[in-house]
Amino acid sequence: AVVSTQSTGVSQDEDIFSVTIDVPQGERLGLLLAGGTDSPIEIKTVQDGSLACQSGLTGGLQIMSVNNIIFAPTTTHHDAIMALTSSRVLNISVKSSRSSDSRRSAKRAKCPENDEDMEDKEMGDMSYGVKKTDIGSSVNIYLQKRHALNNFHLVEVSSSLWLAGWNQTEPALTNKFRVGDQLLSVNGQVVNTVAEALNVMEMTPTGVELLLKRMPLAAEYKMHREKESEDWGMQIRQNRLVDVIHGGIAWTAGLQPFSAEFSEKACSWAITQVNRLPVSVLCRSTDVIWDKINSGKTDVSITLQPSEFVNLLSNSLLEHPHYEDFVARS
């Protein structure tokens, strides 16, 4: 939510104003940056309907400071991203030319007033970049008791239950789950611990109803290149995104390194799906990841989740006596 906006004119040609934005957990500002190291940090684009858009921020504005951290000429692009992801309450000071004020006001007026207005617009306008999918949606799954009991590896994180793996040898579970799904309830009963979930499953006489939230911490990006020889513009180490090349395809799609958030701290991204197919959370081969990314030739969809979160899931999964059977893989 936008908390406040304050403007102070500094000359006939320039205006400095600041906005304070409260960023709810799991949401994004919705902007891309340009510049850094000997060139000003500027807002390149702002996504319609985003928190940045609703606050009045637009492309072309120069960021002067974030939470009293001054953006000096030596500020790097990475420094700027870290500043914008270091806190859930951001006070952003920006500079614009007077000639751009009317454009800023016009863009603010175009921002949808609510999420329902935004939904259809995003679906229609965004061919590449952050893709609207079932991520974050509620999913009901019905299973027989024998298919559910002892066939999931659940992990307790932040007073919630998360799916790290499931029995890959059980056909009844195929294509129903994703690593990083949040388990909300079993047979209508809210569950916050593994013991609670197992107890409800064991007590049910026949069927089990699971209510899940589909990968609520994830983000999916869709990218396109004109020819197979064109570089995607990102650096990957094992299953981690470690850097994005300024101006490259991944950059244009909105992908930025170290822009994930977990436990209210910024962290890197881990790749958990490529083209909607699972990538093993235990994958340690960079070549395997690239083979999956390049398999689509000129188009790819990548699903990422916070690396610190994926670490917790994978470390817990390794403790399972039959973890090899529970690792989701394509």
C-alpha atoms as a PDB file:
ATOM      1  CA  ALA A   1       0.000   0.000   0.000  1.00  0.00           C
ATOM      2  CA  VAL A   2       1.142   3.555  -0.697  1.00  0.00           C
ATOM      3  CA  VAL A   3       1.551   5.400   2.587  1.00  0.00           C
ATOM      4  CA  SER A   4       2.344   8.930   1.442  1.00  0.00           C
ATOM      5  CA  THR A   5       3.690  11.128  -1.326  1.00  0.00           C
ATOM      6  CA  GLN A   6       5.579  14.378  -0.769  1.00  0.00           C
ATOM      7  CA  SER A   7       6.890  16.778  -3.405  1.00  0.00           C
ATOM      8  CA  THR A   8       9.295  19.716  -3.195  1.00  0.00           C
ATOM      9  CA  GLY A   9      10.271  21.740  -6.252  1.00  0.00           C
ATOM     10  CA  VAL A  10      13.995  22.472  -6.546  1.00  0.00           C
ATOM     11  CA  SER A  11      14.106  24.419  -9.801  1.00  0.00           C
ATOM     12  CA  GLN A  12      11.977  25.428 -12.750  1.00  0.00           C
ATOM     13  CA  ASP A  13      13.137  22.362 -14.657  1.00  0.00           C
ATOM     14  CA  GLU A  14      13.412  19.710 -11.966  1.00  0.00           C
ATOM     15  CA  ASP A  15      11.264  18.344  -9.175  1.00  0.00           C
ATOM     16  CA  ILE A  16      12.183  16.006  -6.327  1.00  0.00           C
ATOM     17  CA  PHE A  17       9.444  14.069  -4.614  1.00  0.00           C
ATOM     18  CA  SER A  18       9.330  11.059  -2.356  1.00  0.00           C
ATOM     19  CA  VAL A  19       6.897   8.198  -1.867  1.00  0.00           C
ATOM     20  CA  THR A  20       6.573   5.813   1.043  1.00  0.00           C
ATOM     21  CA  ILE A  21       5.396   2.334   0.079  1.00  0.00           C
ATOM     22  CA  ASP A  22       4.465  -0.511   2.395  1.00  0.00           C
ATOM     23  CA  VAL A  23       5.241  -3.692   0.438  1.00  0.00           C
ATOM     24  CA  PRO A  24       3.205  -6.682   1.688  1.00  0.00           C
ATOM     25  CA  GLN A  25       5.110  -9.960   1.934  1.00  0.00           C
ATOM     26  CA  GLY A  26       5.010 -11.831  -1.356  1.00  0.00           C
ATOM     27  CA  GLU A  27       4.262  -8.727  -3.446  1.00  0.00           C
ATOM     28  CA  ARG A  28       6.638  -6.792  -5.691  1.00  0.00           C
ATOM     29  CA  LEU A  29       7.177  -3.138  -6.416  1.00  0.00           C
ATOM     30  CA  GLY A  30       6.654  -3.777 -10.110  1.00  0.00           C
ATOM     31  CA  LEU A  31       9.486  -1.734 -11.606  1.00  0.00           C
ATOM     32  CA  LEU A  32      12.696  -2.266 -13.566  1.00  0.00           C
ATOM     33  CA  LEU A  33      15.894  -0.309 -13.008  1.00  0.00           C
ATOM     34  CA  ALA A  34      18.505   1.008 -15.413  1.00  0.00           C
ATOM     35  CA  GLY A  35      21.927   2.540 -14.866  1.00  0.00           C
ATOM     36  CA  GLY A  36      24.460   2.300 -12.090  1.00  0.00           C
ATOM     37  CA  THR A  37      28.229   2.891 -11.673  1.00  0.00           C
ATOM     38  CA  ASP A  38      28.911   6.294 -13.260  1.00  0.00           C
ATOM     39  CA  SER A  39      25.357   6.619 -14.589  1.00  0.00           C
ATOM     40  CA  PRO A  40      22.262   7.568 -12.559  1.00  0.00           C
ATOM     41  CA  ILE A  41      19.977   4.853 -11.236  1.00  0.00           C
ATOM     42  CA  GLU A  42      16.727   5.360 -13.096  1.00  0.00           C
ATOM     43  CA  ILE A  43      13.372   3.630 -13.262  1.00  0.00           C
ATOM     44  CA  LYS A  44      13.235   1.991 -16.678  1.00  0.00           C
ATOM     45  CA  THR A  45       9.629   0.772 -16.699  1.00  0.00           C
ATOM     46  CA  VAL A  46       6.734   0.419 -14.262  1.00  0.00           C
ATOM     47  CA  GLN A  47       4.161  -2.352 -14.493  1.00  0.00           C
ATOM     48  CA  ASP A  48       0.548  -1.184 -14.676  1.00  0.00           C
ATOM     49  CA  GLY A  49      -1.368  -1.861 -11.485  1.00  0.00           C
ATOM     50  CA  SER A  50       1.757  -2.432  -9.405  1.00  0.00           C
ATOM     51  CA  LEU A  51       2.589  -0.747  -6.097  1.00  0.00           C
ATOM     52  CA  ALA A  52       5.110   1.446  -7.914  1.00  0.00           C
ATOM     53  CA  CYS A  53       2.475   2.504 -10.423  1.00  0.00           C
ATOM     54  CA  GLN A  54      -0.078   3.312  -7.731  1.00  0.00           C
ATOM     55  CA  SER A  55       2.473   5.470  -5.916  1.00  0.00           C
ATOM     56  CA  GLY A  56       3.029   7.633  -9.005  1.00  0.00           C
ATOM     57  CA  LEU A  57       6.430   6.262  -9.982  1.00  0.00           C
ATOM     58  CA  THR A  58       7.023   6.033 -13.734  1.00  0.00           C
ATOM     59  CA  GLY A  59       9.756   5.242 -16.186  1.00  0.00           C
ATOM     60  CA  GLY A  60      12.414   7.934 -16.573  1.00  0.00           C
ATOM     61  CA  LEU A  61      12.526   9.030 -12.937  1.00  0.00           C
ATOM     62  CA  GLN A  62      15.971   9.122 -11.323  1.00  0.00           C
ATOM     63  CA  ILE A  63      16.174   7.524  -7.879  1.00  0.00           C
ATOM     64  CA  MET A  64      18.020   9.792  -5.462  1.00  0.00           C
ATOM     65  CA  SER A  65      17.758   7.727  -2.277  1.00  0.00           C
ATOM     66  CA  VAL A  66      15.987   4.786  -0.644  1.00  0.00           C
ATOM     67  CA  ASN A  67      15.401   4.848   3.133  1.00  0.00           C
ATOM     68  CA  ASN A  68      18.021   7.621   3.445  1.00  0.00           C
ATOM     69  CA  ILE A  69      20.602   5.620   1.490  1.00  0.00           C
ATOM     70  CA  ILE A  70      21.948   8.132  -1.014  1.00  0.00           C
ATOM     71  CA  PHE A  71      22.426   6.871  -4.570  1.00  0.00           C
ATOM     72  CA  ALA A  72      25.840   8.345  -5.368  1.00  0.00           C
ATOM     73  CA  PRO A  73      27.610   8.168  -8.764  1.00  0.00           C
ATOM     74  CA  THR A  74      29.444   5.066  -7.500  1.00  0.00           C
ATOM     75  CA  THR A  75      26.213   3.213  -6.634  1.00  0.00           C
ATOM     76  CA  THR A  76      26.037  -0.034  -8.595  1.00  0.00           C
ATOM     77  CA  HIS A  77      22.937  -1.588 -10.085  1.00  0.00           C
ATOM     78  CA  HIS A  78      23.178  -4.413  -7.560  1.00  0.00           C
ATOM     79  CA  ASP A  79      23.407  -1.901  -4.685  1.00  0.00           C
ATOM     80  CA  ALA A  80      20.194  -0.274  -5.909  1.00  0.00           C
ATOM     81  CA  ILE A  81      18.328  -3.586  -6.080  1.00  0.00           C
ATOM     82  CA  MET A  82      19.499  -4.511  -2.584  1.00  0.00           C
ATOM     83  CA  ALA A  83      18.297  -1.158  -1.233  1.00  0.00           C
ATOM     84  CA  LEU A  84      14.864  -1.656  -2.786  1.00  0.00           C
ATOM     85  CA  THR A  85      14.508  -5.182  -1.384  1.00  0.00           C
ATOM     86  CA  SER A  86      16.038  -4.670   2.060  1.00  0.00           C
ATOM     87  CA  SER A  87      12.864  -3.514   3.786  1.00  0.00           C
ATOM     88  CA  ARG A  88       9.114  -3.905   3.480  1.00  0.00           C
ATOM     89  CA  VAL A  89       8.607  -0.163   4.066  1.00  0.00           C
ATOM     90  CA  LEU A  90      10.405   1.919   1.458  1.00  0.00           C
ATOM     91  CA  ASN A  91      10.837   5.675   1.349  1.00  0.00           C
ATOM     92  CA  ILE A  92      11.940   6.385  -2.211  1.00  0.00           C
ATOM     93  CA  SER A  93      13.122   9.838  -3.262  1.00  0.00           C
ATOM     94  CA  VAL A  94      13.126  10.493  -7.010  1.00  0.00           C
ATOM     95  CA  LYS A  95      13.919  13.366  -9.348  1.00  0.00           C
ATOM     96  CA  SER A  96      12.014  14.238 -12.490  1.00  0.00           C
ATOM     97  CA  SER A  97      11.932  17.015 -15.041  1.00  0.00           C
ATOM     98  CA  ARG A  98       8.892  19.264 -14.935  1.00  0.00           C
ATOM     99  CA  SER A  99       8.038  18.187 -18.470  1.00  0.00           C
ATOM    100  CA  SER A 100       7.591  14.614 -17.253  1.00  0.00           C
ATOM    101  CA  ASP A 101       5.124  15.555 -14.474  1.00  0.00           C
ATOM    102  CA  SER A 102       2.130  15.400 -16.789  1.00  0.00           C
ATOM    103  CA  ARG A 103       3.214  11.976 -18.008  1.00  0.00           C
ATOM    104  CA  ARG A 104       3.535  10.802 -14.400  1.00  0.00           C
ATOM    105  CA  SER A 105       0.043  12.033 -13.560  1.00  0.00           C
ATOM    106  CA  ALA A 106      -1.370  10.411 -16.673  1.00  0.00           C
ATOM    107  CA  LYS A 107       0.223   7.082 -15.877  1.00  0.00           C
ATOM    108  CA  ARG A 108      -1.009   7.221 -12.292  1.00  0.00           C
ATOM    109  CA  ALA A 109      -4.544   7.738 -13.576  1.00  0.00           C
ATOM    110  CA  LYS A 110      -4.182   4.680 -15.802  1.00  0.00           C
ATOM    111  CA  CYS A 111      -3.320   2.372 -12.898  1.00  0.00           C
ATOM    112  CA  PRO A 112      -6.216  -0.008 -12.144  1.00  0.00           C
ATOM    113  CA  GLU A 113      -7.954   0.838  -8.889  1.00  0.00           C
ATOM    114  CA  ASN A 114      -8.168  -2.756  -7.708  1.00  0.00           C
ATOM    115  CA  ASP A 115      -6.854  -6.226  -8.392  1.00  0.00           C
ATOM    116  CA  GLU A 116      -9.930  -7.222 -10.390  1.00  0.00           C
ATOM    117  CA  ASP A 117      -9.325  -4.384 -12.853  1.00  0.00           C
ATOM    118  CA  MET A 118      -5.698  -5.419 -13.111  1.00  0.00           C
ATOM    119  CA  GLU A 119      -6.286  -9.114 -13.790  1.00  0.00           C
ATOM    120  CA  ASP A 120      -7.606  -8.956 -17.345  1.00  0.00           C
ATOM    121  CA  LYS A 121      -5.175  -6.236 -18.343  1.00  0.00           C
ATOM    122  CA  GLU A 122      -2.155  -8.246 -17.243  1.00  0.00           C
ATOM    123  CA  MET A 123      -3.423 -11.335 -18.993  1.00  0.00           C
ATOM    124  CA  GLY A 124      -3.944  -9.441 -22.228  1.00  0.00           C
ATOM    125  CA  ASP A 125      -0.896  -7.175 -22.307  1.00  0.00           C
ATOM    126  CA  MET A 126       1.991  -9.240 -20.953  1.00  0.00           C
ATOM    127  CA  SER A 127       3.355 -11.563 -23.630  1.00  0.00           C
ATOM    128  CA  TYR A 128       6.746 -11.896 -21.962  1.00  0.00           C
ATOM    129  CA  GLY A 129       8.045 -11.128 -18.498  1.00  0.00           C
ATOM    130  CA  VAL A 130       6.203 -12.009 -15.298  1.00  0.00           C
ATOM    131  CA  LYS A 131       3.530 -14.426 -16.401  1.00  0.00           C
ATOM    132  CA  LYS A 132       0.153 -14.778 -14.729  1.00  0.00           C
ATOM    133  CA  THR A 133      -0.331 -18.453 -13.845  1.00  0.00           C
ATOM    134  CA  ASP A 134      -1.879 -20.560 -11.114  1.00  0.00           C
ATOM    135  CA  ILE A 135       0.904 -19.449  -8.744  1.00  0.00           C
ATOM    136  CA  GLY A 136      -0.647 -18.383  -5.451  1.00  0.00           C
ATOM    137  CA  SER A 137      -4.050 -19.887  -6.273  1.00  0.00           C
ATOM    138  CA  SER A 138      -5.930 -22.280  -3.989  1.00  0.00           C
ATOM    139  CA  VAL A 139      -6.042 -25.902  -5.139  1.00  0.00           C
ATOM    140  CA  ASN A 140      -8.272 -28.678  -3.776  1.00  0.00           C
ATOM    141  CA  ILE A 141      -7.004 -32.229  -4.272  1.00  0.00           C
ATOM    142  CA  TYR A 142      -8.931 -35.368  -3.329  1.00  0.00           C
ATOM    143  CA  LEU A 143      -7.053 -38.625  -2.676  1.00  0.00           C
ATOM    144  CA  GLN A 144      -7.766 -42.040  -1.261  1.00  0.00           C
ATOM    145  CA  LYS A 145      -6.295 -42.482   2.192  1.00  0.00           C
ATOM    146  CA  ARG A 146      -3.784 -45.079   1.013  1.00  0.00           C
ATOM    147  CA  HIS A 147      -2.483 -42.675  -1.639  1.00  0.00           C
ATOM    148  CA  ALA A 148      -2.020 -39.822   0.821  1.00  0.00           C
ATOM    149  CA  LEU A 149      -0.696 -41.409   3.990  1.00  0.00           C
ATOM    150  CA  ASN A 150       3.121 -41.444   4.228  1.00  0.00           C
ATOM    151  CA  ASN A 151       3.494 -40.340   0.611  1.00  0.00           C
ATOM    152  CA  PHE A 152       4.408 -36.694   1.251  1.00  0.00           C
ATOM    153  CA  HIS A 153       7.455 -35.019   2.703  1.00  0.00           C
ATOM    154  CA  LEU A 154       6.258 -31.899   4.498  1.00  0.00           C
ATOM    155  CA  VAL A 155       8.468 -29.242   6.078  1.00  0.00           C
ATOM    156  CA  GLU A 156       7.527 -26.819   8.831  1.00  0.00           C
ATOM    157  CA  VAL A 157       8.692 -23.288   7.990  1.00  0.00           C
ATOM    158  CA  SER A 158       7.411 -20.074   9.587  1.00  0.00           C
ATOM    159  CA  SER A 159       4.479 -21.817  11.297  1.00  0.00           C
ATOM    160  CA  SER A 160       3.278 -23.237   7.978  1.00  0.00           C
ATOM    161  CA  LEU A 161       3.562 -26.561   6.152  1.00  0.00           C
ATOM    162  CA  TRP A 162       5.327 -26.768   2.791  1.00  0.00           C
ATOM    163  CA  LEU A 163       5.657 -29.580   0.289  1.00  0.00           C
ATOM    164  CA  ALA A 164       9.267 -30.606  -0.364  1.00  0.00           C
ATOM    165  CA  GLY A 165       8.509 -33.846  -2.197  1.00  0.00           C
ATOM    166  CA  TRP A 166       6.081 -36.694  -2.730  1.00  0.00           C
ATOM    167  CA  ASN A 167       6.286 -40.343  -3.681  1.00  0.00           C
ATOM    168  CA  GLN A 168       7.151 -40.371  -7.372  1.00  0.00           C
ATOM    169  CA  THR A 169       6.319 -44.077  -7.626  1.00  0.00           C
ATOM    170  CA  GLU A 170       2.645 -43.476  -6.735  1.00  0.00           C
ATOM    171  CA  PRO A 171       0.696 -42.834  -9.997  1.00  0.00           C
ATOM    172  CA  ALA A 172      -2.230 -41.252  -8.134  1.00  0.00           C
ATOM    173  CA  LEU A 173      -0.002 -38.283  -7.217  1.00  0.00           C
ATOM    174  CA  THR A 174       1.323 -37.584 -10.736  1.00  0.00           C
ATOM    175  CA  ASN A 175       0.999 -33.977 -11.968  1.00  0.00           C
ATOM    176  CA  LYS A 176      -0.980 -32.874  -8.916  1.00  0.00           C
ATOM    177  CA  PHE A 177       1.684 -31.169  -6.784  1.00  0.00           C
ATOM    178  CA  ARG A 178       4.560 -28.698  -6.997  1.00  0.00           C
ATOM    179  CA  VAL A 179       7.592 -28.268  -4.771  1.00  0.00           C
ATOM    180  CA  GLY A 180       6.886 -25.203  -2.656  1.00  0.00           C
ATOM    181  CA  ASP A 181       3.122 -25.762  -2.412  1.00  0.00           C
ATOM    182  CA  GLN A 182       1.751 -24.669   0.961  1.00  0.00           C
ATOM    183  CA  LEU A 183      -0.573 -27.118   2.731  1.00  0.00           C
ATOM    184  CA  LEU A 184      -3.382 -25.133   4.349  1.00  0.00           C
ATOM    185  CA  SER A 185      -5.778 -27.806   5.565  1.00  0.00           C
ATOM    186  CA  VAL A 186      -6.573 -31.530   5.556  1.00  0.00           C
ATOM    187  CA  ASN A 187     -10.252 -32.514   5.436  1.00  0.00           C
ATOM    188  CA  GLY A 188     -11.185 -28.953   6.337  1.00  0.00           C
ATOM    189  CA  GLN A 189      -8.946 -28.808   9.409  1.00  0.00           C
ATOM    190  CA  VAL A 190      -6.186 -26.190   9.418  1.00  0.00           C
ATOM    191  CA  VAL A 191      -2.775 -27.821   9.919  1.00  0.00           C
ATOM    192  CA  ASN A 192       0.449 -26.075  10.904  1.00  0.00           C
ATOM    193  CA  THR A 193       2.654 -29.025  11.842  1.00  0.00           C
ATOM    194  CA  VAL A 194       3.566 -32.331  10.252  1.00  0.00           C
ATOM    195  CA  ALA A 195       2.116 -34.175  13.260  1.00  0.00           C
ATOM    196  CA  GLU A 196      -1.248 -32.430  12.846  1.00  0.00           C
ATOM    197  CA  ALA A 197      -1.414 -33.263   9.130  1.00  0.00           C
ATOM    198  CA  LEU A 198      -0.549 -36.930   9.680  1.00  0.00           C
ATOM    199  CA  ASN A 199      -3.015 -37.235  12.541  1.00  0.00           C
ATOM    200  CA  VAL A 200      -5.919 -35.971  10.422  1.00  0.00           C
ATOM    201  CA  MET A 201      -4.969 -38.284   7.542  1.00  0.00           C
ATOM    202  CA  GLU A 202      -4.740 -41.296   9.838  1.00  0.00           C
ATOM    203  CA  MET A 203      -8.125 -40.590  11.436  1.00  0.00           C
ATOM    204  CA  THR A 204     -10.015 -40.298   8.162  1.00  0.00           C
ATOM    205  CA  PRO A 205     -11.853 -43.526   7.231  1.00  0.00           C
ATOM    206  CA  THR A 206     -11.544 -43.252   3.464  1.00  0.00           C
ATOM    207  CA  GLY A 207     -10.766 -40.097   1.449  1.00  0.00           C
ATOM    208  CA  VAL A 208      -8.415 -37.192   2.095  1.00  0.00           C
ATOM    209  CA  GLU A 209      -9.088 -33.643   0.912  1.00  0.00           C
ATOM    210  CA  LEU A 210      -6.024 -31.378   0.739  1.00  0.00           C
ATOM    211  CA  LEU A 211      -6.297 -27.612   0.392  1.00  0.00           C
ATOM    212  CA  LEU A 212      -3.098 -26.165  -1.031  1.00  0.00           C
ATOM    213  CA  LYS A 213      -1.823 -22.770  -2.037  1.00  0.00           C
ATOM    214  CA  ARG A 214       0.139 -23.215  -5.240  1.00  0.00           C
ATOM    215  CA  MET A 215       3.794 -22.125  -4.778  1.00  0.00           C
ATOM    216  CA  PRO A 216       2.942 -18.791  -3.099  1.00  0.00           C
ATOM    217  CA  LEU A 217       6.609 -17.739  -2.879  1.00  0.00           C
ATOM    218  CA  ALA A 218       7.304 -18.393  -6.573  1.00  0.00           C
ATOM    219  CA  ALA A 219       7.556 -16.178  -9.634  1.00  0.00           C
ATOM    220  CA  GLU A 220       7.377 -17.338 -13.242  1.00  0.00           C
ATOM    221  CA  TYR A 221       9.096 -15.575 -16.126  1.00  0.00           C
ATOM    222  CA  LYS A 222       8.522 -16.208 -19.817  1.00  0.00           C
ATOM    223  CA  MET A 223      11.287 -15.270 -22.264  1.00  0.00           C
ATOM    224  CA  HIS A 224      11.729 -15.282 -26.029  1.00  0.00           C
ATOM    225  CA  ARG A 225      14.740 -14.947 -28.300  1.00  0.00           C
ATOM    226  CA  GLU A 226      14.779 -14.488 -32.051  1.00  0.00           C
ATOM    227  CA  LYS A 227      17.329 -17.229 -32.733  1.00  0.00           C
ATOM    228  CA  GLU A 228      18.870 -20.112 -30.801  1.00  0.00           C
ATOM    229  CA  SER A 229      22.355 -18.582 -30.852  1.00  0.00           C
ATOM    230  CA  GLU A 230      21.177 -15.529 -28.916  1.00  0.00           C
ATOM    231  CA  ASP A 231      22.271 -15.496 -25.265  1.00  0.00           C
ATOM    232  CA  TRP A 232      19.542 -15.434 -22.613  1.00  0.00           C
ATOM    233  CA  GLY A 233      21.560 -12.873 -20.662  1.00  0.00           C
ATOM    234  CA  MET A 234      21.716 -14.585 -17.299  1.00  0.00           C
ATOM    235  CA  GLN A 235      24.285 -16.470 -15.252  1.00  0.00           C
ATOM    236  CA  ILE A 236      23.355 -19.677 -13.452  1.00  0.00           C
ATOM    237  CA  ARG A 237      25.371 -21.715 -10.964  1.00  0.00           C
ATOM    238  CA  GLN A 238      23.898 -25.137 -10.237  1.00  0.00           C
ATOM    239  CA  ASN A 239      20.187 -24.303  -9.835  1.00  0.00           C
ATOM    240  CA  ARG A 240      20.779 -20.727  -8.635  1.00  0.00           C
ATOM    241  CA  LEU A 241      20.362 -17.523 -10.612  1.00  0.00           C
ATOM    242  CA  VAL A 242      23.492 -15.522  -9.777  1.00  0.00           C
ATOM    243  CA  ASP A 243      23.384 -12.614 -12.225  1.00  0.00           C
ATOM    244  CA  VAL A 244      21.388 -11.005 -15.037  1.00  0.00           C
ATOM    245  CA  ILE A 245      23.094  -9.094 -17.841  1.00  0.00           C
ATOM    246  CA  HIS A 246      21.929  -5.503 -18.137  1.00  0.00           C
ATOM    247  CA  GLY A 247      19.904  -5.033 -21.313  1.00  0.00           C
ATOM    248  CA  GLY A 248      19.732  -8.771 -22.063  1.00  0.00           C
ATOM    249  CA  ILE A 249      16.685 -10.932 -22.708  1.00  0.00           C
ATOM    250  CA  ALA A 250      16.259 -11.955 -19.064  1.00  0.00           C
ATOM    251  CA  TRP A 251      16.664  -8.342 -17.985  1.00  0.00           C
ATOM    252  CA  THR A 252      14.028  -7.168 -20.457  1.00  0.00           C
ATOM    253  CA  ALA A 253      11.652  -9.837 -19.164  1.00  0.00           C
ATOM    254  CA  GLY A 254      12.016  -8.350 -15.674  1.00  0.00           C
ATOM    255  CA  LEU A 255      14.264 -10.959 -14.103  1.00  0.00           C
ATOM    256  CA  GLN A 256      16.619  -9.534 -11.482  1.00  0.00           C
ATOM    257  CA  PRO A 257      19.094 -11.363  -9.238  1.00  0.00           C
ATOM    258  CA  PHE A 258      18.832 -11.177  -5.454  1.00  0.00           C
ATOM    259  CA  SER A 259      15.301  -9.760  -5.721  1.00  0.00           C
ATOM    260  CA  ALA A 260      13.696 -12.718  -3.922  1.00  0.00           C
ATOM    261  CA  GLU A 261      12.569 -12.337  -0.336  1.00  0.00           C
ATOM    262  CA  PHE A 262      12.402 -14.922   2.424  1.00  0.00           C
ATOM    263  CA  SER A 263      11.934 -14.306   6.153  1.00  0.00           C
ATOM    264  CA  GLU A 264      11.868 -10.569   5.352  1.00  0.00           C
ATOM    265  CA  LYS A 265      15.399 -10.712   3.900  1.00  0.00           C
ATOM    266  CA  ALA A 266      16.561 -10.397   0.307  1.00  0.00           C
ATOM    267  CA  CYS A 267      18.117 -13.473  -1.264  1.00  0.00           C
ATOM    268  CA  SER A 268      18.837 -15.075  -4.616  1.00  0.00           C
ATOM    269  CA  TRP A 269      16.461 -17.171  -6.715  1.00  0.00           C
ATOM    270  CA  ALA A 270      16.513 -20.948  -7.207  1.00  0.00           C
ATOM    271  CA  ILE A 271      15.085 -22.478 -10.381  1.00  0.00           C
ATOM    272  CA  THR A 272      12.422 -25.076  -9.529  1.00  0.00           C
ATOM    273  CA  GLN A 273      10.648 -25.441 -12.878  1.00  0.00           C
ATOM    274  CA  VAL A 274      11.573 -25.005 -16.536  1.00  0.00           C
ATOM    275  CA  ASN A 275       8.732 -24.959 -19.050  1.00  0.00           C
ATOM    276  CA  ARG A 276       6.383 -26.031 -16.252  1.00  0.00           C
ATOM    277  CA  LEU A 277       8.404 -29.218 -15.681  1.00  0.00           C
ATOM    278  CA  PRO A 278      10.045 -29.740 -12.267  1.00  0.00           C
ATOM    279  CA  VAL A 279      13.735 -29.261 -11.632  1.00  0.00           C
ATOM    280  CA  SER A 280      15.059 -31.366  -8.786  1.00  0.00           C
ATOM    281  CA  VAL A 281      15.707 -29.299  -5.661  1.00  0.00           C
ATOM    282  CA  LEU A 282      18.814 -31.473  -5.258  1.00  0.00           C
ATOM    283  CA  CYS A 283      20.144 -30.617  -8.729  1.00  0.00           C
ATOM    284  CA  ARG A 284      23.775 -29.490  -8.583  1.00  0.00           C
ATOM    285  CA  SER A 285      24.538 -29.564 -12.303  1.00  0.00           C
ATOM    286  CA  THR A 286      24.559 -26.243 -14.135  1.00  0.00           C
ATOM    287  CA  ASP A 287      24.667 -28.081 -17.475  1.00  0.00           C
ATOM    288  CA  VAL A 288      21.442 -29.947 -16.679  1.00  0.00           C
ATOM    289  CA  ILE A 289      19.664 -26.647 -15.996  1.00  0.00           C
ATOM    290  CA  TRP A 290      20.920 -25.106 -19.241  1.00  0.00           C
ATOM    291  CA  ASP A 291      19.876 -28.169 -21.219  1.00  0.00           C
ATOM    292  CA  LYS A 292      16.346 -27.755 -19.892  1.00  0.00           C
ATOM    293  CA  ILE A 293      16.307 -24.008 -20.606  1.00  0.00           C
ATOM    294  CA  ASN A 294      17.582 -24.439 -24.172  1.00  0.00           C
ATOM    295  CA  SER A 295      15.313 -27.386 -24.945  1.00  0.00           C
ATOM    296  CA  GLY A 296      12.571 -24.984 -26.018  1.00  0.00           C
ATOM    297  CA  LYS A 297      14.889 -23.454 -28.621  1.00  0.00           C
ATOM    298  CA  THR A 298      13.607 -19.841 -28.708  1.00  0.00           C
ATOM    299  CA  ASP A 299      11.066 -19.759 -25.877  1.00  0.00           C
ATOM    300  CA  VAL A 300      11.341 -20.668 -22.222  1.00  0.00           C
ATOM    301  CA  SER A 301       9.333 -20.359 -19.030  1.00  0.00           C
ATOM    302  CA  ILE A 302      11.269 -20.371 -15.748  1.00  0.00           C
ATOM    303  CA  THR A 303       9.751 -20.719 -12.291  1.00  0.00           C
ATOM    304  CA  LEU A 304      11.904 -19.496  -9.405  1.00  0.00           C
ATOM    305  CA  GLN A 305      11.569 -19.569  -5.639  1.00  0.00           C
ATOM    306  CA  PRO A 306      13.705 -17.964  -2.909  1.00  0.00           C
ATOM    307  CA  SER A 307      16.959 -19.926  -2.619  1.00  0.00           C
ATOM    308  CA  GLU A 308      16.966 -19.840   1.194  1.00  0.00           C
ATOM    309  CA  PHE A 309      13.496 -21.393   1.184  1.00  0.00           C
ATOM    310  CA  VAL A 310      14.531 -24.073  -1.338  1.00  0.00           C
ATOM    311  CA  ASN A 311      17.600 -24.846   0.809  1.00  0.00           C
ATOM    312  CA  LEU A 312      15.363 -25.607   3.780  1.00  0.00           C
ATOM    313  CA  LEU A 313      13.186 -27.904   1.680  1.00  0.00           C
ATOM    314  CA  SER A 314      16.097 -29.761   0.086  1.00  0.00           C
ATOM    315  CA  ASN A 315      18.014 -30.193   3.358  1.00  0.00           C
ATOM    316  CA  SER A 316      14.938 -31.621   5.026  1.00  0.00           C
ATOM    317  CA  LEU A 317      14.233 -33.907   2.071  1.00  0.00           C
ATOM    318  CA  LEU A 318      17.728 -35.375   2.318  1.00  0.00           C
ATOM    319  CA  GLU A 319      16.882 -36.581   5.822  1.00  0.00           C
ATOM    320  CA  HIS A 320      14.110 -38.820   4.467  1.00  0.00           C
ATOM    321  CA  PRO A 321      15.286 -42.461   4.399  1.00  0.00           C
ATOM    322  CA  HIS A 322      13.931 -42.892   0.852  1.00  0.00           C
ATOM    323  CA  TYR A 323      14.441 -39.348  -0.422  1.00  0.00           C
ATOM    324  CA  GLU A 324      15.372 -40.543  -3.932  1.00  0.00           C
ATOM    325  CA  ASP A 325      11.751 -41.674  -4.428  1.00  0.00           C
ATOM    326  CA  PHE A 326      10.386 -38.319  -3.230  1.00  0.00           C
ATOM    327  CA  VAL A 327      12.392 -35.931  -5.428  1.00  0.00           C
ATOM    328  CA  ALA A 328      10.227 -34.252  -8.066  1.00  0.00           C
ATOM    329  CA  ARG A 329      11.980 -34.335 -11.421  1.00  0.00           C
ATOM    330  CA  SER A 330      11.054 -34.198 -15.092  1.00  0.00           C
END
